[in-house]
């Protein structure tokens, strides 16, 4: 998904990331396969980390929460 100038991973891409990461494929290769910047992969792994490793479902939940928060005014 692309909003403005930024690309966001879809849930399908997160599942691919999880599978490739589980098989210890280098992050640089994963970024090329998903056509995203390497920094995106690092941030995504951080976003979806739960005890035991990367969870695409948890990462999607965090991403959805962050999207909902955008544009809200702070009190």
N, C-alpha and C. Protein backbone atom coordinates (compact mmCIF):
# COMPACT_ATOMS: atom_id res chain seq x y z
N UNK A 1 0.85 -1.17 0.00
CA UNK A 1 0.00 0.00 0.00
C UNK A 1 0.90 1.23 0.00
N UNK A 2 0.48 2.26 -0.73
CA UNK A 2 1.26 3.49 -0.78
C UNK A 2 0.36 4.66 -0.43
N UNK A 3 0.74 5.39 0.60
CA UNK A 3 0.01 6.59 1.01
C UNK A 3 0.99 7.74 0.91
N UNK A 4 0.69 8.72 0.06
CA UNK A 4 1.62 9.83 -0.13
C UNK A 4 2.92 9.31 -0.69
N UNK A 5 4.01 9.60 -0.02
CA UNK A 5 5.34 9.18 -0.47
C UNK A 5 5.80 7.90 0.23
N UNK A 6 5.00 7.38 1.15
CA UNK A 6 5.44 6.26 1.96
C UNK A 6 4.79 4.96 1.51
N UNK A 7 5.55 3.87 1.61
CA UNK A 7 5.01 2.55 1.32
C UNK A 7 4.77 1.83 2.64
N UNK A 8 3.68 1.11 2.71
CA UNK A 8 3.37 0.32 3.89
C UNK A 8 3.21 -1.12 3.47
N UNK A 9 3.67 -2.03 4.31
CA UNK A 9 3.55 -3.44 3.99
C UNK A 9 2.10 -3.90 4.16
N UNK A 10 1.68 -4.78 3.28
CA UNK A 10 0.37 -5.40 3.41
C UNK A 10 0.51 -6.60 4.33
N UNK A 11 -0.62 -7.16 4.73
CA UNK A 11 -0.57 -8.35 5.59
C UNK A 11 0.09 -9.51 4.84
N UNK A 12 -0.16 -9.62 3.54
CA UNK A 12 0.47 -10.68 2.75
C UNK A 12 1.99 -10.52 2.74
N UNK A 13 2.47 -9.28 2.59
CA UNK A 13 3.91 -9.04 2.62
C UNK A 13 4.48 -9.36 4.00
N UNK A 14 3.72 -9.08 5.05
CA UNK A 14 4.19 -9.40 6.40
C UNK A 14 4.32 -10.91 6.58
N UNK A 15 3.40 -11.68 6.00
CA UNK A 15 3.49 -13.15 6.09
C UNK A 15 4.72 -13.65 5.34
N UNK A 16 5.00 -13.06 4.17
CA UNK A 16 6.19 -13.44 3.41
C UNK A 16 7.45 -13.10 4.21
N UNK A 17 7.47 -11.92 4.80
CA UNK A 17 8.59 -11.51 5.63
C UNK A 17 8.82 -12.50 6.76
N UNK A 18 7.75 -12.90 7.43
CA UNK A 18 7.87 -13.85 8.54
C UNK A 18 8.47 -15.17 8.08
N UNK A 19 8.01 -15.66 6.95
CA UNK A 19 8.50 -16.94 6.43
C UNK A 19 9.98 -16.83 6.04
N UNK A 20 10.33 -15.78 5.32
CA UNK A 20 11.71 -15.62 4.89
C UNK A 20 12.64 -15.41 6.09
N UNK A 21 12.17 -14.65 7.07
CA UNK A 21 12.98 -14.40 8.27
C UNK A 21 13.17 -15.69 9.06
N UNK A 22 12.14 -16.51 9.10
CA UNK A 22 12.22 -17.79 9.80
C UNK A 22 13.27 -18.70 9.17
N UNK A 23 13.44 -18.61 7.86
CA UNK A 23 14.44 -19.42 7.16
C UNK A 23 15.81 -18.73 7.09
N UNK A 24 15.98 -17.66 7.85
CA UNK A 24 17.26 -16.95 7.99
C UNK A 24 17.78 -16.40 6.66
N UNK A 25 16.88 -15.96 5.82
CA UNK A 25 17.26 -15.31 4.58
C UNK A 25 17.76 -13.91 4.95
N UNK A 26 18.85 -13.46 4.37
CA UNK A 26 19.39 -12.13 4.72
C UNK A 26 18.34 -11.03 4.50
N UNK A 27 18.37 -10.06 5.40
CA UNK A 27 17.38 -8.98 5.35
C UNK A 27 17.46 -8.18 4.06
N UNK A 28 18.65 -8.06 3.52
CA UNK A 28 18.80 -7.34 2.26
C UNK A 28 18.05 -8.05 1.13
N UNK A 29 18.10 -9.37 1.11
CA UNK A 29 17.36 -10.14 0.10
C UNK A 29 15.85 -10.03 0.32
N UNK A 30 15.44 -10.01 1.58
CA UNK A 30 14.01 -9.87 1.89
C UNK A 30 13.52 -8.52 1.39
N UNK A 31 14.31 -7.47 1.62
CA UNK A 31 13.89 -6.14 1.19
C UNK A 31 13.76 -6.08 -0.33
N UNK A 32 14.66 -6.73 -1.05
CA UNK A 32 14.57 -6.76 -2.50
C UNK A 32 13.34 -7.54 -2.96
N UNK A 33 13.07 -8.66 -2.30
CA UNK A 33 11.92 -9.48 -2.68
C UNK A 33 10.60 -8.75 -2.45
N UNK A 34 10.54 -7.96 -1.38
CA UNK A 34 9.31 -7.23 -1.06
C UNK A 34 9.28 -5.84 -1.70
N UNK A 35 10.38 -5.44 -2.36
CA UNK A 35 10.50 -4.15 -3.02
C UNK A 35 10.29 -2.99 -2.05
N UNK A 36 10.98 -3.08 -0.91
CA UNK A 36 10.96 -2.01 0.09
C UNK A 36 12.40 -1.74 0.54
N UNK A 37 12.60 -0.60 1.17
CA UNK A 37 13.92 -0.24 1.66
C UNK A 37 14.30 -1.15 2.82
N UNK A 38 15.59 -1.37 2.98
CA UNK A 38 16.09 -2.22 4.06
C UNK A 38 15.65 -1.70 5.43
N UNK A 39 15.61 -0.38 5.59
CA UNK A 39 15.19 0.21 6.87
C UNK A 39 13.75 -0.18 7.19
N UNK A 40 12.91 -0.33 6.17
CA UNK A 40 11.53 -0.74 6.38
C UNK A 40 11.48 -2.13 7.01
N UNK A 41 12.35 -3.01 6.57
CA UNK A 41 12.40 -4.37 7.11
C UNK A 41 12.81 -4.33 8.58
N UNK A 42 13.82 -3.54 8.89
CA UNK A 42 14.25 -3.43 10.29
C UNK A 42 13.13 -2.89 11.17
N UNK A 43 12.45 -1.83 10.71
CA UNK A 43 11.35 -1.27 11.51
C UNK A 43 10.20 -2.27 11.65
N UNK A 44 9.93 -2.99 10.59
CA UNK A 44 8.84 -3.96 10.62
C UNK A 44 9.14 -5.09 11.59
N UNK A 45 10.38 -5.57 11.60
CA UNK A 45 10.75 -6.64 12.53
C UNK A 45 10.63 -6.16 13.97
N UNK A 46 11.00 -4.90 14.20
CA UNK A 46 10.87 -4.32 15.55
C UNK A 46 9.39 -4.20 15.92
N UNK A 47 8.57 -3.76 14.97
CA UNK A 47 7.14 -3.56 15.21
C UNK A 47 6.44 -4.87 15.57
N UNK A 48 6.82 -5.95 14.91
CA UNK A 48 6.10 -7.21 15.08
C UNK A 48 6.78 -8.21 15.98
N UNK A 49 7.81 -7.78 16.72
CA UNK A 49 8.52 -8.73 17.58
C UNK A 49 7.70 -9.05 18.83
N UNK A 50 7.51 -10.31 19.04
CA UNK A 50 6.92 -10.83 20.29
C UNK A 50 7.88 -11.89 20.79
N UNK A 51 7.70 -12.33 22.01
CA UNK A 51 8.62 -13.35 22.51
C UNK A 51 8.57 -14.55 21.56
N UNK A 52 9.71 -14.93 21.08
CA UNK A 52 9.78 -16.04 20.15
C UNK A 52 10.05 -15.61 18.72
N UNK A 53 9.95 -14.32 18.42
CA UNK A 53 10.28 -13.86 17.06
C UNK A 53 9.23 -12.94 16.48
N UNK A 54 9.28 -12.80 15.16
CA UNK A 54 8.39 -11.89 14.43
C UNK A 54 7.03 -12.55 14.22
N UNK A 55 5.98 -11.80 14.52
CA UNK A 55 4.61 -12.28 14.33
C UNK A 55 3.88 -11.31 13.41
N UNK A 56 3.52 -11.75 12.19
CA UNK A 56 2.87 -10.84 11.25
C UNK A 56 1.50 -10.35 11.74
N UNK A 57 0.81 -11.14 12.53
CA UNK A 57 -0.50 -10.73 13.05
C UNK A 57 -0.33 -9.59 14.06
N UNK A 58 0.66 -9.73 14.95
CA UNK A 58 0.93 -8.66 15.92
C UNK A 58 1.40 -7.40 15.21
N UNK A 59 2.23 -7.56 14.19
CA UNK A 59 2.73 -6.40 13.43
C UNK A 59 1.58 -5.67 12.74
N UNK A 60 0.64 -6.44 12.17
CA UNK A 60 -0.50 -5.82 11.50
C UNK A 60 -1.37 -5.07 12.50
N UNK A 61 -1.54 -5.64 13.69
CA UNK A 61 -2.35 -4.97 14.72
C UNK A 61 -1.71 -3.64 15.13
N UNK A 62 -0.40 -3.63 15.31
CA UNK A 62 0.30 -2.40 15.68
C UNK A 62 0.19 -1.37 14.55
N UNK A 63 0.38 -1.81 13.32
CA UNK A 63 0.28 -0.91 12.17
C UNK A 63 -1.12 -0.31 12.07
N UNK A 64 -2.15 -1.12 12.28
CA UNK A 64 -3.53 -0.63 12.24
C UNK A 64 -3.78 0.41 13.33
N UNK A 65 -3.26 0.16 14.54
CA UNK A 65 -3.41 1.12 15.63
C UNK A 65 -2.72 2.44 15.29
N UNK A 66 -1.52 2.34 14.70
CA UNK A 66 -0.77 3.56 14.35
C UNK A 66 -1.49 4.36 13.28
N UNK A 67 -2.13 3.70 12.34
CA UNK A 67 -2.88 4.39 11.30
C UNK A 67 -4.07 5.14 11.91
N UNK A 68 -4.73 4.51 12.87
CA UNK A 68 -5.87 5.15 13.53
C UNK A 68 -5.45 6.41 14.29
N UNK A 69 -4.24 6.41 14.86
CA UNK A 69 -3.76 7.53 15.66
C UNK A 69 -3.36 8.73 14.82
N UNK A 70 -3.07 8.52 13.55
CA UNK A 70 -2.57 9.61 12.70
C UNK A 70 -3.55 10.75 12.59
N UNK A 71 -3.03 11.94 12.71
CA UNK A 71 -3.84 13.13 12.49
C UNK A 71 -4.64 13.59 13.69
N UNK A 72 -4.63 12.83 14.78
CA UNK A 72 -5.38 13.25 15.96
C UNK A 72 -4.62 14.32 16.69
N UNK A 73 -5.34 15.29 17.22
CA UNK A 73 -4.74 16.37 17.97
C UNK A 73 -4.45 15.93 19.39
N UNK A 74 -3.30 16.36 19.91
CA UNK A 74 -2.97 16.06 21.30
C UNK A 74 -3.63 17.09 22.18
N UNK A 75 -3.99 16.68 23.38
CA UNK A 75 -4.63 17.59 24.33
C UNK A 75 -3.60 18.26 25.19
